[in-house]
Amino acid sequence: MRECPRYGVCAAAICPLDADWSLRTHTAGDEVCRWLLEVGKPGAVERFTVAGLEDLFEVARHSLPAICRRHADVAQKVERLIHRSTFDRGANLVRSRQQQEDEQ
C-alpha cells in the first residue's frame, strides 16, 4: 500500500493494493479508494497512463469486481460516479476559469 500516491492521506478501509483487503471492513459511508472510483470510467487507461500509474490501474481493475461483490456501498459509489473523473476535475477548473476570463 505504500506504493500508492495517496498513502498517508487516504482514509479508505478497502485498498486494492492491500493483499489482505478481503479481511478489512467497509461500512456504508466510509471513504472509497480514489483508484477504485476511477478505474472503470471511460478513458481510465489513458488517464492512469499519463499519470504514470499503469501498475496501480492493473491492480485496481483486477480487484474492483471482487471488492464490489463484497461491499455493496463501494459498488454503489463506483456506479454513481462512473462518468465523472477526479483526474479531469483540475482540467475542468482551468477551462471554467478561462471561460470566465473570456466573458469579461
PDB file of N, CA and C in Angstrom:
ATOM      1  N   MET A   1       0.826  -1.199   0.000  1.00  0.00           N
ATOM      2  CA  MET A   1       0.000   0.000   0.000  1.00  0.00           C
ATOM      3  C   MET A   1       0.865   1.256   0.000  1.00  0.00           C
ATOM      4  N   ARG A   2       2.071   1.131   0.451  1.00  0.00           N
ATOM      5  CA  ARG A   2       2.961   2.303   0.498  1.00  0.00           C
ATOM      6  C   ARG A   2       3.304   2.818  -0.905  1.00  0.00           C
ATOM      7  N   GLU A   3       3.055   1.995  -1.930  1.00  0.00           N
ATOM      8  CA  GLU A   3       3.308   2.419  -3.307  1.00  0.00           C
ATOM      9  C   GLU A   3       2.230   3.374  -3.813  1.00  0.00           C
ATOM     10  N   CYS A   4       1.133   3.469  -3.092  1.00  0.00           N
ATOM     11  CA  CYS A   4       0.026   4.334  -3.516  1.00  0.00           C
ATOM     12  C   CYS A   4       0.415   5.799  -3.363  1.00  0.00           C
ATOM     13  N   PRO A   5       0.162   6.617  -4.398  1.00  0.00           N
ATOM     14  CA  PRO A   5       0.472   8.045  -4.305  1.00  0.00           C
ATOM     15  C   PRO A   5      -0.325   8.755  -3.206  1.00  0.00           C
ATOM     16  N   ARG A   6      -1.422   8.163  -2.756  1.00  0.00           N
ATOM     17  CA  ARG A   6      -2.253   8.775  -1.716  1.00  0.00           C
ATOM     18  C   ARG A   6      -2.005   8.161  -0.340  1.00  0.00           C
ATOM     19  N   TYR A   7      -0.977   7.309  -0.244  1.00  0.00           N
ATOM     20  CA  TYR A   7      -0.661   6.685   1.038  1.00  0.00           C
ATOM     21  C   TYR A   7      -0.387   7.776   2.070  1.00  0.00           C
ATOM     22  N   GLY A   8      -0.991   7.642   3.201  1.00  0.00           N
ATOM     23  CA  GLY A   8      -0.799   8.626   4.267  1.00  0.00           C
ATOM     24  C   GLY A   8      -1.908   9.661   4.341  1.00  0.00           C
ATOM     25  N   VAL A   9      -2.642   9.864   3.235  1.00  0.00           N
ATOM     26  CA  VAL A   9      -3.750  10.828   3.254  1.00  0.00           C
ATOM     27  C   VAL A   9      -5.094  10.162   2.960  1.00  0.00           C
ATOM     28  N   CYS A  10      -5.064   8.939   2.504  1.00  0.00           N
ATOM     29  CA  CYS A  10      -6.294   8.221   2.163  1.00  0.00           C
ATOM     30  C   CYS A  10      -6.862   7.558   3.411  1.00  0.00           C
ATOM     31  N   ALA A  11      -8.172   7.650   3.567  1.00  0.00           N
ATOM     32  CA  ALA A  11      -8.841   7.039   4.719  1.00  0.00           C
ATOM     33  C   ALA A  11      -9.714   5.856   4.309  1.00  0.00           C
ATOM     34  N   ALA A  12      -9.544   5.360   3.085  1.00  0.00           N
ATOM     35  CA  ALA A  12     -10.357   4.231   2.620  1.00  0.00           C
ATOM     36  C   ALA A  12      -9.962   2.967   3.382  1.00  0.00           C
ATOM     37  N   ALA A  13     -10.965   2.232   3.830  1.00  0.00           N
ATOM     38  CA  ALA A  13     -10.703   0.990   4.559  1.00  0.00           C
ATOM     39  C   ALA A  13     -10.297  -0.136   3.613  1.00  0.00           C
ATOM     40  N   ILE A  14     -10.782  -0.076   2.383  1.00  0.00           N
ATOM     41  CA  ILE A  14     -10.501  -1.111   1.394  1.00  0.00           C
ATOM     42  C   ILE A  14      -9.561  -0.539   0.343  1.00  0.00           C
ATOM     43  N   CYS A  15      -8.359  -1.083   0.296  1.00  0.00           N
ATOM     44  CA  CYS A  15      -7.348  -0.629  -0.661  1.00  0.00           C
ATOM     45  C   CYS A  15      -7.003  -1.782  -1.588  1.00  0.00           C
ATOM     46  N   PRO A  16      -7.103  -1.582  -2.898  1.00  0.00           N
ATOM     47  CA  PRO A  16      -6.763  -2.666  -3.825  1.00  0.00           C
ATOM     48  C   PRO A  16      -5.295  -3.074  -3.747  1.00  0.00           C
ATOM     49  N   LEU A  17      -4.440  -2.229  -3.197  1.00  0.00           N
ATOM     50  CA  LEU A  17      -3.028  -2.566  -3.054  1.00  0.00           C
ATOM     51  C   LEU A  17      -2.753  -3.388  -1.796  1.00  0.00           C
ATOM     52  N   ASP A  18      -3.755  -3.523  -0.948  1.00  0.00           N
ATOM     53  CA  ASP A  18      -3.639  -4.308   0.276  1.00  0.00           C
ATOM     54  C   ASP A  18      -3.936  -5.766  -0.061  1.00  0.00           C
ATOM     55  N   ALA A  19      -2.954  -6.627   0.049  1.00  0.00           N
ATOM     56  CA  ALA A  19      -3.149  -8.043  -0.263  1.00  0.00           C
ATOM     57  C   ALA A  19      -4.226  -8.673   0.617  1.00  0.00           C
ATOM     58  N   ASP A  20      -4.474  -8.089   1.770  1.00  0.00           N
ATOM     59  CA  ASP A  20      -5.471  -8.617   2.700  1.00  0.00           C
ATOM     60  C   ASP A  20      -6.754  -7.794   2.722  1.00  0.00           C
ATOM     61  N   TRP A  21      -7.085  -7.121   1.624  1.00  0.00           N
ATOM     62  CA  TRP A  21      -8.268  -6.250   1.621  1.00  0.00           C
ATOM     63  C   TRP A  21      -9.528  -7.019   1.993  1.00  0.00           C
ATOM     64  N   SER A  22      -9.594  -8.297   1.648  1.00  0.00           N
ATOM     65  CA  SER A  22     -10.802  -9.075   1.931  1.00  0.00           C
ATOM     66  C   SER A  22     -11.010  -9.305   3.428  1.00  0.00           C
ATOM     67  N   LEU A  23      -9.997  -9.057   4.221  1.00  0.00           N
ATOM     68  CA  LEU A  23     -10.111  -9.185   5.675  1.00  0.00           C
ATOM     69  C   LEU A  23     -10.568  -7.874   6.325  1.00  0.00           C
ATOM     70  N   ARG A  24     -10.621  -6.802   5.546  1.00  0.00           N
ATOM     71  CA  ARG A  24     -10.973  -5.479   6.080  1.00  0.00           C
ATOM     72  C   ARG A  24     -12.481  -5.268   6.045  1.00  0.00           C
ATOM     73  N   THR A  25     -12.930  -4.321   6.842  1.00  0.00           N
ATOM     74  CA  THR A  25     -14.346  -3.993   6.921  1.00  0.00           C
ATOM     75  C   THR A  25     -14.586  -2.626   6.306  1.00  0.00           C
ATOM     76  N   HIS A  26     -15.600  -2.534   5.471  1.00  0.00           N
ATOM     77  CA  HIS A  26     -16.043  -1.256   4.905  1.00  0.00           C
ATOM     78  C   HIS A  26     -17.468  -1.032   5.378  1.00  0.00           C
ATOM     79  N   THR A  27     -17.696   0.095   6.008  1.00  0.00           N
ATOM     80  CA  THR A  27     -19.023   0.449   6.496  1.00  0.00           C
ATOM     81  C   THR A  27     -19.616   1.495   5.568  1.00  0.00           C
ATOM     82  N   ALA A  28     -20.906   1.395   5.307  1.00  0.00           N
ATOM     83  CA  ALA A  28     -21.585   2.381   4.451  1.00  0.00           C
ATOM     84  C   ALA A  28     -21.227   3.784   4.936  1.00  0.00           C
ATOM     85  N   GLY A  29     -20.843   4.614   3.999  1.00  0.00           N
ATOM     86  CA  GLY A  29     -20.449   5.979   4.321  1.00  0.00           C
ATOM     87  C   GLY A  29     -18.948   6.160   4.460  1.00  0.00           C
ATOM     88  N   ASP A  30     -18.200   5.062   4.573  1.00  0.00           N
ATOM     89  CA  ASP A  30     -16.739   5.165   4.633  1.00  0.00           C
ATOM     90  C   ASP A  30     -16.201   5.682   3.307  1.00  0.00           C
ATOM     91  N   GLU A  31     -15.043   6.290   3.360  1.00  0.00           N
ATOM     92  CA  GLU A  31     -14.373   6.742   2.136  1.00  0.00           C
ATOM     93  C   GLU A  31     -14.063   5.540   1.254  1.00  0.00           C
ATOM     94  N   VAL A  32     -14.158   5.759  -0.056  1.00  0.00           N
ATOM     95  CA  VAL A  32     -13.835   4.713  -1.029  1.00  0.00           C
ATOM     96  C   VAL A  32     -12.551   5.120  -1.745  1.00  0.00           C
ATOM     97  N   CYS A  33     -11.705   4.163  -1.971  1.00  0.00           N
ATOM     98  CA  CYS A  33     -10.429   4.382  -2.659  1.00  0.00           C
ATOM     99  C   CYS A  33     -10.642   5.139  -3.974  1.00  0.00           C
ATOM    100  N   ARG A  34      -9.886   6.206  -4.152  1.00  0.00           N
ATOM    101  CA  ARG A  34      -9.985   7.015  -5.365  1.00  0.00           C
ATOM    102  C   ARG A  34      -9.767   6.178  -6.616  1.00  0.00           C
ATOM    103  N   TRP A  35      -8.842   5.246  -6.541  1.00  0.00           N
ATOM    104  CA  TRP A  35      -8.484   4.459  -7.725  1.00  0.00           C
ATOM    105  C   TRP A  35      -9.597   3.492  -8.094  1.00  0.00           C
ATOM    106  N   LEU A  36     -10.301   2.958  -7.093  1.00  0.00           N
ATOM    107  CA  LEU A  36     -11.446   2.098  -7.386  1.00  0.00           C
ATOM    108  C   LEU A  36     -12.556   2.896  -8.056  1.00  0.00           C
ATOM    109  N   LEU A  37     -12.714   4.149  -7.661  1.00  0.00           N
ATOM    110  CA  LEU A  37     -13.737   5.001  -8.268  1.00  0.00           C
ATOM    111  C   LEU A  37     -13.377   5.402  -9.694  1.00  0.00           C
ATOM    112  N   GLU A  38     -12.104   5.391 -10.022  1.00  0.00           N
ATOM    113  CA  GLU A  38     -11.626   5.841 -11.338  1.00  0.00           C
ATOM    114  C   GLU A  38     -11.484   4.735 -12.370  1.00  0.00           C
ATOM    115  N   VAL A  39     -11.145   3.541 -11.936  1.00  0.00           N
ATOM    116  CA  VAL A  39     -10.667   2.505 -12.843  1.00  0.00           C
ATOM    117  C   VAL A  39     -11.683   2.054 -13.890  1.00  0.00           C
ATOM    118  N   GLY A  40     -12.965   2.112 -13.606  1.00  0.00           N
ATOM    119  CA  GLY A  40     -13.955   1.645 -14.564  1.00  0.00           C
ATOM    120  C   GLY A  40     -14.517   2.709 -15.480  1.00  0.00           C
ATOM    121  N   LYS A  41     -14.032   3.922 -15.362  1.00  0.00           N
ATOM    122  CA  LYS A  41     -14.569   5.033 -16.141  1.00  0.00           C
ATOM    123  C   LYS A  41     -14.003   5.052 -17.560  1.00  0.00           C
ATOM    124  N   PRO A  42     -14.793   5.549 -18.499  1.00  0.00           N
ATOM    125  CA  PRO A  42     -14.274   5.695 -19.859  1.00  0.00           C
ATOM    126  C   PRO A  42     -12.997   6.545 -19.857  1.00  0.00           C
ATOM    127  N   GLY A  43     -11.983   6.093 -20.574  1.00  0.00           N
ATOM    128  CA  GLY A  43     -10.720   6.827 -20.664  1.00  0.00           C
ATOM    129  C   GLY A  43      -9.788   6.601 -19.485  1.00  0.00           C
ATOM    130  N   ALA A  44     -10.142   5.684 -18.589  1.00  0.00           N
ATOM    131  CA  ALA A  44      -9.322   5.459 -17.392  1.00  0.00           C
ATOM    132  C   ALA A  44      -7.905   5.004 -17.742  1.00  0.00           C
ATOM    133  N   VAL A  45      -7.786   4.118 -18.705  1.00  0.00           N
ATOM    134  CA  VAL A  45      -6.456   3.615 -19.076  1.00  0.00           C
ATOM    135  C   VAL A  45      -5.541   4.775 -19.443  1.00  0.00           C
ATOM    136  N   GLU A  46      -6.042   5.682 -20.264  1.00  0.00           N
ATOM    137  CA  GLU A  46      -5.239   6.818 -20.697  1.00  0.00           C
ATOM    138  C   GLU A  46      -4.875   7.729 -19.532  1.00  0.00           C
ATOM    139  N   ARG A  47      -5.840   8.003 -18.651  1.00  0.00           N
ATOM    140  CA  ARG A  47      -5.564   8.892 -17.519  1.00  0.00           C
ATOM    141  C   ARG A  47      -4.536   8.280 -16.570  1.00  0.00           C
ATOM    142  N   PHE A  48      -4.664   6.999 -16.281  1.00  0.00           N
ATOM    143  CA  PHE A  48      -3.689   6.345 -15.405  1.00  0.00           C
ATOM    144  C   PHE A  48      -2.317   6.323 -16.076  1.00  0.00           C
ATOM    145  N   THR A  49      -2.278   6.079 -17.385  1.00  0.00           N
ATOM    146  CA  THR A  49      -1.008   6.023 -18.111  1.00  0.00           C
ATOM    147  C   THR A  49      -0.305   7.373 -18.086  1.00  0.00           C
ATOM    148  N   VAL A  50      -1.043   8.436 -18.381  1.00  0.00           N
ATOM    149  CA  VAL A  50      -0.463   9.785 -18.364  1.00  0.00           C
ATOM    150  C   VAL A  50       0.082  10.121 -16.979  1.00  0.00           C
ATOM    151  N   ALA A  51      -0.599   9.651 -15.943  1.00  0.00           N
ATOM    152  CA  ALA A  51      -0.167   9.916 -14.569  1.00  0.00           C
ATOM    153  C   ALA A  51       0.946   8.969 -14.113  1.00  0.00           C
ATOM    154  N   GLY A  52       1.324   8.018 -14.981  1.00  0.00           N
ATOM    155  CA  GLY A  52       2.381   7.070 -14.629  1.00  0.00           C
ATOM    156  C   GLY A  52       1.928   6.017 -13.627  1.00  0.00           C
ATOM    157  N   LEU A  53       0.645   5.703 -13.643  1.00  0.00           N
ATOM    158  CA  LEU A  53       0.079   4.778 -12.670  1.00  0.00           C
ATOM    159  C   LEU A  53      -0.460   3.497 -13.322  1.00  0.00           C
ATOM    160  N   GLU A  54       0.231   3.007 -14.336  1.00  0.00           N
ATOM    161  CA  GLU A  54      -0.234   1.828 -15.058  1.00  0.00           C
ATOM    162  C   GLU A  54      -0.363   0.605 -14.153  1.00  0.00           C
ATOM    163  N   ASP A  55       0.626   0.386 -13.286  1.00  0.00           N
ATOM    164  CA  ASP A  55       0.583  -0.775 -12.397  1.00  0.00           C
ATOM    165  C   ASP A  55      -0.587  -0.673 -11.422  1.00  0.00           C
ATOM    166  N   LEU A  56      -0.819   0.507 -10.901  1.00  0.00           N
ATOM    167  CA  LEU A  56      -1.947   0.734  -9.996  1.00  0.00           C
ATOM    168  C   LEU A  56      -3.262   0.482 -10.725  1.00  0.00           C
ATOM    169  N   PHE A  57      -3.349   0.909 -11.973  1.00  0.00           N
ATOM    170  CA  PHE A  57      -4.540   0.667 -12.781  1.00  0.00           C
ATOM    171  C   PHE A  57      -4.832  -0.826 -12.872  1.00  0.00           C
ATOM    172  N   GLU A  58      -3.813  -1.612 -13.184  1.00  0.00           N
ATOM    173  CA  GLU A  58      -3.997  -3.053 -13.349  1.00  0.00           C
ATOM    174  C   GLU A  58      -4.460  -3.708 -12.054  1.00  0.00           C
ATOM    175  N   VAL A  59      -3.867  -3.339 -10.937  1.00  0.00           N
ATOM    176  CA  VAL A  59      -4.261  -3.913  -9.649  1.00  0.00           C
ATOM    177  C   VAL A  59      -5.702  -3.527  -9.320  1.00  0.00           C
ATOM    178  N   ALA A  60      -6.042  -2.251  -9.479  1.00  0.00           N
ATOM    179  CA  ALA A  60      -7.396  -1.778  -9.169  1.00  0.00           C
ATOM    180  C   ALA A  60      -8.419  -2.416 -10.111  1.00  0.00           C
ATOM    181  N   ARG A  61      -8.094  -2.493 -11.397  1.00  0.00           N
ATOM    182  CA  ARG A  61      -9.005  -3.092 -12.383  1.00  0.00           C
ATOM    183  C   ARG A  61      -9.268  -4.557 -12.054  1.00  0.00           C
ATOM    184  N   HIS A  62      -8.228  -5.240 -11.667  1.00  0.00           N
ATOM    185  CA  HIS A  62      -8.359  -6.665 -11.361  1.00  0.00           C
ATOM    186  C   HIS A  62      -9.183  -6.903 -10.088  1.00  0.00           C
ATOM    187  N   SER A  63      -9.017  -6.067  -9.070  1.00  0.00           N
ATOM    188  CA  SER A  63      -9.684  -6.296  -7.787  1.00  0.00           C
ATOM    189  C   SER A  63     -11.071  -5.665  -7.686  1.00  0.00           C
ATOM    190  N   LEU A  64     -11.397  -4.715  -8.550  1.00  0.00           N
ATOM    191  CA  LEU A  64     -12.673  -3.998  -8.454  1.00  0.00           C
ATOM    192  C   LEU A  64     -13.900  -4.914  -8.436  1.00  0.00           C
ATOM    193  N   PRO A  65     -14.028  -5.883  -9.347  1.00  0.00           N
ATOM    194  CA  PRO A  65     -15.237  -6.721  -9.314  1.00  0.00           C
ATOM    195  C   PRO A  65     -15.427  -7.459  -7.985  1.00  0.00           C
ATOM    196  N   ALA A  66     -14.366  -8.030  -7.451  1.00  0.00           N
ATOM    197  CA  ALA A  66     -14.476  -8.764  -6.187  1.00  0.00           C
ATOM    198  C   ALA A  66     -14.800  -7.823  -5.029  1.00  0.00           C
ATOM    199  N   ILE A  67     -14.190  -6.651  -5.021  1.00  0.00           N
ATOM    200  CA  ILE A  67     -14.468  -5.678  -3.960  1.00  0.00           C
ATOM    201  C   ILE A  67     -15.924  -5.231  -4.028  1.00  0.00           C
ATOM    202  N   CYS A  68     -16.413  -4.980  -5.228  1.00  0.00           N
ATOM    203  CA  CYS A  68     -17.810  -4.545  -5.388  1.00  0.00           C
ATOM    204  C   CYS A  68     -18.789  -5.652  -4.999  1.00  0.00           C
ATOM    205  N   ARG A  69     -18.452  -6.893  -5.293  1.00  0.00           N
ATOM    206  CA  ARG A  69     -19.330  -8.001  -4.884  1.00  0.00           C
ATOM    207  C   ARG A  69     -19.411  -8.108  -3.365  1.00  0.00           C
ATOM    208  N   ARG A  70     -18.321  -7.840  -2.718  1.00  0.00           N
ATOM    209  CA  ARG A  70     -18.257  -7.993  -1.257  1.00  0.00           C
ATOM    210  C   ARG A  70     -18.798  -6.775  -0.514  1.00  0.00           C
ATOM    211  N   HIS A  71     -18.692  -5.591  -1.128  1.00  0.00           N
ATOM    212  CA  HIS A  71     -19.060  -4.347  -0.442  1.00  0.00           C
ATOM    213  C   HIS A  71     -20.025  -3.542  -1.322  1.00  0.00           C
ATOM    214  N   ALA A  72     -21.318  -3.679  -1.040  1.00  0.00           N
ATOM    215  CA  ALA A  72     -22.355  -3.034  -1.847  1.00  0.00           C
ATOM    216  C   ALA A  72     -22.210  -1.511  -1.864  1.00  0.00           C
ATOM    217  N   ASP A  73     -21.779  -0.915  -0.763  1.00  0.00           N
ATOM    218  CA  ASP A  73     -21.621   0.540  -0.711  1.00  0.00           C
ATOM    219  C   ASP A  73     -20.548   1.002  -1.699  1.00  0.00           C
ATOM    220  N   VAL A  74     -19.468   0.261  -1.798  1.00  0.00           N
ATOM    221  CA  VAL A  74     -18.414   0.594  -2.766  1.00  0.00           C
ATOM    222  C   VAL A  74     -18.984   0.479  -4.171  1.00  0.00           C
ATOM    223  N   ALA A  75     -19.706  -0.598  -4.439  1.00  0.00           N
ATOM    224  CA  ALA A  75     -20.294  -0.801  -5.767  1.00  0.00           C
ATOM    225  C   ALA A  75     -21.232   0.346  -6.135  1.00  0.00           C
ATOM    226  N   GLN A  76     -22.051   0.795  -5.194  1.00  0.00           N
ATOM    227  CA  GLN A  76     -22.982   1.900  -5.461  1.00  0.00           C
ATOM    228  C   GLN A  76     -22.237   3.191  -5.778  1.00  0.00           C
ATOM    229  N   LYS A  77     -21.180   3.471  -5.032  1.00  0.00           N
ATOM    230  CA  LYS A  77     -20.411   4.699  -5.267  1.00  0.00           C
ATOM    231  C   LYS A  77     -19.674   4.643  -6.599  1.00  0.00           C
ATOM    232  N   VAL A  78     -19.140   3.485  -6.937  1.00  0.00           N
ATOM    233  CA  VAL A  78     -18.471   3.316  -8.230  1.00  0.00           C
ATOM    234  C   VAL A  78     -19.467   3.560  -9.353  1.00  0.00           C
ATOM    235  N   GLU A  79     -20.640   2.960  -9.253  1.00  0.00           N
ATOM    236  CA  GLU A  79     -21.672   3.119 -10.289  1.00  0.00           C
ATOM    237  C   GLU A  79     -22.144   4.559 -10.406  1.00  0.00           C
ATOM    238  N   ARG A  80     -22.335   5.218  -9.276  1.00  0.00           N
ATOM    239  CA  ARG A  80     -22.836   6.596  -9.277  1.00  0.00           C
ATOM    240  C   ARG A  80     -21.835   7.566  -9.926  1.00  0.00           C
ATOM    241  N   LEU A  81     -20.561   7.285  -9.777  1.00  0.00           N
ATOM    242  CA  LEU A  81     -19.523   8.200 -10.274  1.00  0.00           C
ATOM    243  C   LEU A  81     -18.870   7.726 -11.562  1.00  0.00           C
ATOM    244  N   ILE A  82     -19.458   6.756 -12.231  1.00  0.00           N
ATOM    245  CA  ILE A  82     -18.837   6.119 -13.391  1.00  0.00           C
ATOM    246  C   ILE A  82     -18.484   7.100 -14.515  1.00  0.00           C
ATOM    247  N   HIS A  83     -19.181   8.199 -14.633  1.00  0.00           N
ATOM    248  CA  HIS A  83     -18.909   9.132 -15.729  1.00  0.00           C
ATOM    249  C   HIS A  83     -18.283  10.450 -15.270  1.00  0.00           C
ATOM    250  N   ARG A  84     -17.836  10.528 -14.009  1.00  0.00           N
ATOM    251  CA  ARG A  84     -17.206  11.747 -13.505  1.00  0.00           C
ATOM    252  C   ARG A  84     -15.820  11.411 -12.981  1.00  0.00           C
ATOM    253  N   SER A  85     -14.797  11.896 -13.641  1.00  0.00           N
ATOM    254  CA  SER A  85     -13.430  11.575 -13.259  1.00  0.00           C
ATOM    255  C   SER A  85     -12.811  12.673 -12.410  1.00  0.00           C
ATOM    256  N   THR A  86     -12.182  12.287 -11.297  1.00  0.00           N
ATOM    257  CA  THR A  86     -11.468  13.261 -10.487  1.00  0.00           C
ATOM    258  C   THR A  86     -10.159  13.663 -11.168  1.00  0.00           C
ATOM    259  N   PHE A  87      -9.661  12.822 -12.083  1.00  0.00           N
ATOM    260  CA  PHE A  87      -8.485  13.199 -12.862  1.00  0.00           C
ATOM    261  C   PHE A  87      -8.805  14.455 -13.674  1.00  0.00           C
ATOM    262  N   ASP A  88     -10.034  14.548 -14.181  1.00  0.00           N
ATOM    263  CA  ASP A  88     -10.427  15.655 -15.039  1.00  0.00           C
ATOM    264  C   ASP A  88     -10.827  16.910 -14.275  1.00  0.00           C
ATOM    265  N   ARG A  89     -11.023  16.792 -12.967  1.00  0.00           N
ATOM    266  CA  ARG A  89     -11.502  17.929 -12.180  1.00  0.00           C
ATOM    267  C   ARG A  89     -10.600  19.156 -12.345  1.00  0.00           C
ATOM    268  N   GLY A  90      -9.299  18.961 -12.295  1.00  0.00           N
ATOM    269  CA  GLY A  90      -8.370  20.079 -12.448  1.00  0.00           C
ATOM    270  C   GLY A  90      -8.470  20.714 -13.824  1.00  0.00           C
ATOM    271  N   ALA A  91      -8.583  19.894 -14.858  1.00  0.00           N
ATOM    272  CA  ALA A  91      -8.714  20.414 -16.222  1.00  0.00           C
ATOM    273  C   ALA A  91     -10.021  21.185 -16.371  1.00  0.00           C
ATOM    274  N   ASN A  92     -11.095  20.681 -15.771  1.00  0.00           N
ATOM    275  CA  ASN A  92     -12.381  21.381 -15.843  1.00  0.00           C
ATOM    276  C   ASN A  92     -12.325  22.722 -15.126  1.00  0.00           C
ATOM    277  N   LEU A  93     -11.618  22.789 -14.017  1.00  0.00           N
ATOM    278  CA  LEU A  93     -11.467  24.037 -13.279  1.00  0.00           C
ATOM    279  C   LEU A  93     -10.717  25.065 -14.113  1.00  0.00           C
ATOM    280  N   VAL A  94      -9.652  24.641 -14.777  1.00  0.00           N
ATOM    281  CA  VAL A  94      -8.882  25.548 -15.632  1.00  0.00           C
ATOM    282  C   VAL A  94      -9.756  26.060 -16.777  1.00  0.00           C
ATOM    283  N   ARG A  95     -10.512  25.158 -17.427  1.00  0.00           N
ATOM    284  CA  ARG A  95     -11.406  25.582 -18.516  1.00  0.00           C
ATOM    285  C   ARG A  95     -12.447  26.568 -18.031  1.00  0.00           C
ATOM    286  N   SER A  96     -13.005  26.325 -16.874  1.00  0.00           N
ATOM    287  CA  SER A  96     -14.025  27.206 -16.313  1.00  0.00           C
ATOM    288  C   SER A  96     -13.453  28.598 -16.061  1.00  0.00           C
ATOM    289  N   ARG A  97     -12.264  28.651 -15.509  1.00  0.00           N
ATOM    290  CA  ARG A  97     -11.617  29.951 -15.250  1.00  0.00           C
ATOM    291  C   ARG A  97     -11.308  30.681 -16.560  1.00  0.00           C
ATOM    292  N   GLN A  98     -10.879  29.933 -17.569  1.00  0.00           N
ATOM    293  CA  GLN A  98     -10.580  30.553 -18.862  1.00  0.00           C
ATOM    294  C   GLN A  98     -11.845  31.108 -19.490  1.00  0.00           C
ATOM    295  N   GLN A  99     -12.955  30.373 -19.364  1.00  0.00           N
ATOM    296  CA  GLN A  99     -14.230  30.846 -19.915  1.00  0.00           C
ATOM    297  C   GLN A  99     -14.684  32.110 -19.200  1.00  0.00           C
ATOM    298  N   GLN A 100     -14.505  32.162 -17.896  1.00  0.00           N
ATOM    299  CA  GLN A 100     -14.888  33.344 -17.126  1.00  0.00           C
ATOM    300  C   GLN A 100     -14.065  34.549 -17.566  1.00  0.00           C
ATOM    301  N   GLU A 101     -12.765  34.335 -17.775  1.00  0.00           N
ATOM    302  CA  GLU A 101     -11.895  35.419 -18.224  1.00  0.00           C
ATOM    303  C   GLU A 101     -12.273  35.893 -19.616  1.00  0.00           C
ATOM    304  N   ASP A 102     -12.638  34.949 -20.495  1.00  0.00           N
ATOM    305  CA  ASP A 102     -13.046  35.293 -21.868  1.00  0.00           C
ATOM    306  C   ASP A 102     -14.328  36.119 -21.869  1.00  0.00           C
ATOM    307  N   GLU A 103     -15.222  35.823 -20.940  1.00  0.00           N
ATOM    308  CA  GLU A 103     -16.501  36.531 -20.871  1.00  0.00           C
ATOM    309  C   GLU A 103     -16.343  37.960 -20.354  1.00  0.00           C
ATOM    310  N   GLN A 104     -15.258  38.205 -19.634  1.00  0.00           N
ATOM    311  CA  GLN A 104     -15.053  39.540 -19.049  1.00  0.00           C
ATOM    312  C   GLN A 104     -14.422  40.452 -20.022  1.00  0.00           C
TER     313      GLN A 104
END
